[in-house]
């Protein structure tokens, strides 16, 4: 099985063989990969945020969820 270092070396060798006119396209693709990783990390940073929320507050939020969304929707439509 390949180690992280071996895989990176193989990728670098393959990049060296890519024609110059394709480098921008490759760079754009790598940038998209980086963005997707950053988005996942940002989303995961919220994990457990509501773990210690007061049960009464949580109940109010869930019971009033539809009404709150409808109220906020009217502001967006304006």
Protein backbone atom coordinates (compact mmCIF):
# COMPACT_ATOMS: atom_id res chain seq x y z
CA UNK A 1 0.00 0.00 0.00
CA UNK A 2 1.24 3.48 -0.85
CA UNK A 3 2.11 5.88 1.89
CA UNK A 4 1.13 9.52 1.84
CA UNK A 5 4.64 10.49 0.77
CA UNK A 6 4.67 7.98 -2.08
CA UNK A 7 1.30 9.15 -3.36
CA UNK A 8 2.41 12.79 -3.27
CA UNK A 9 5.60 11.88 -5.16
CA UNK A 10 3.58 10.04 -7.81
CA UNK A 11 1.25 13.02 -8.20
CA UNK A 12 4.19 15.41 -8.57
CA UNK A 13 5.73 13.16 -11.24
CA UNK A 14 2.45 13.09 -13.13
CA UNK A 15 2.12 16.88 -12.88
CA UNK A 16 5.56 17.26 -14.46
CA UNK A 17 4.25 15.43 -17.55
CA UNK A 18 1.17 17.62 -17.98
CA UNK A 19 1.34 19.95 -20.98
CA UNK A 20 1.77 23.65 -20.20
CA UNK A 21 -1.58 24.52 -21.77
CA UNK A 22 -3.36 22.28 -19.24
CA UNK A 23 -1.69 23.68 -16.09
CA UNK A 24 -4.30 26.40 -15.52
CA UNK A 25 -7.07 23.81 -15.73
CA UNK A 26 -5.22 21.60 -13.23
CA UNK A 27 -4.65 24.56 -10.91
CA UNK A 28 -8.37 25.43 -11.04
CA UNK A 29 -9.27 21.84 -10.19
CA UNK A 30 -6.90 21.77 -7.21
CA UNK A 31 -8.34 25.08 -6.00
CA UNK A 32 -11.85 23.56 -6.09
CA UNK A 33 -10.62 20.60 -4.06
CA UNK A 34 -9.15 22.96 -1.47
CA UNK A 35 -12.39 24.92 -1.26
CA UNK A 36 -14.44 21.78 -0.69
CA UNK A 37 -12.11 20.75 2.14
CA UNK A 38 -12.38 24.18 3.75
CA UNK A 39 -16.19 24.10 3.51
CA UNK A 40 -16.32 20.70 5.20
CA UNK A 41 -14.04 21.90 7.98
CA UNK A 42 -16.19 25.00 8.54
CA UNK A 43 -19.35 22.93 8.68
CA UNK A 44 -17.80 20.39 11.03
CA UNK A 45 -16.66 23.19 13.34
CA UNK A 46 -20.32 23.53 14.37
CA UNK A 47 -20.55 19.91 15.47
CA UNK A 48 -21.78 19.66 19.05
CA UNK A 49 -22.73 23.33 19.25
CA UNK A 50 -26.22 22.55 20.51
CA UNK A 51 -25.12 19.71 22.76
CA UNK A 52 -25.72 21.68 25.97
CA UNK A 53 -28.69 23.78 24.85
CA UNK A 54 -31.45 24.23 27.41
CA UNK A 55 -34.26 21.77 26.68
CA UNK A 56 -36.98 24.45 26.96
CA UNK A 57 -35.21 26.67 24.42
CA UNK A 58 -34.76 23.71 22.09
CA UNK A 59 -38.46 22.85 22.38
CA UNK A 60 -39.43 26.45 21.59
CA UNK A 61 -37.17 26.48 18.55
CA UNK A 62 -38.57 23.25 17.17
CA UNK A 63 -42.21 24.01 18.00
CA UNK A 64 -42.00 27.43 16.34
CA UNK A 65 -39.77 26.35 13.46
CA UNK A 66 -42.38 26.57 10.71
CA UNK A 67 -43.70 29.93 11.90
CA UNK A 68 -40.16 31.33 12.19
CA UNK A 69 -39.31 30.19 8.67
CA UNK A 70 -42.48 31.72 7.25
CA UNK A 71 -41.77 35.02 9.02
CA UNK A 72 -38.19 35.09 7.69
CA UNK A 73 -39.30 34.07 4.20
CA UNK A 74 -41.41 37.19 3.85
CA UNK A 75 -38.34 39.35 4.53
CA UNK A 76 -36.35 37.53 1.84
CA UNK A 77 -39.13 37.92 -0.74
CA UNK A 78 -39.20 41.71 -0.29
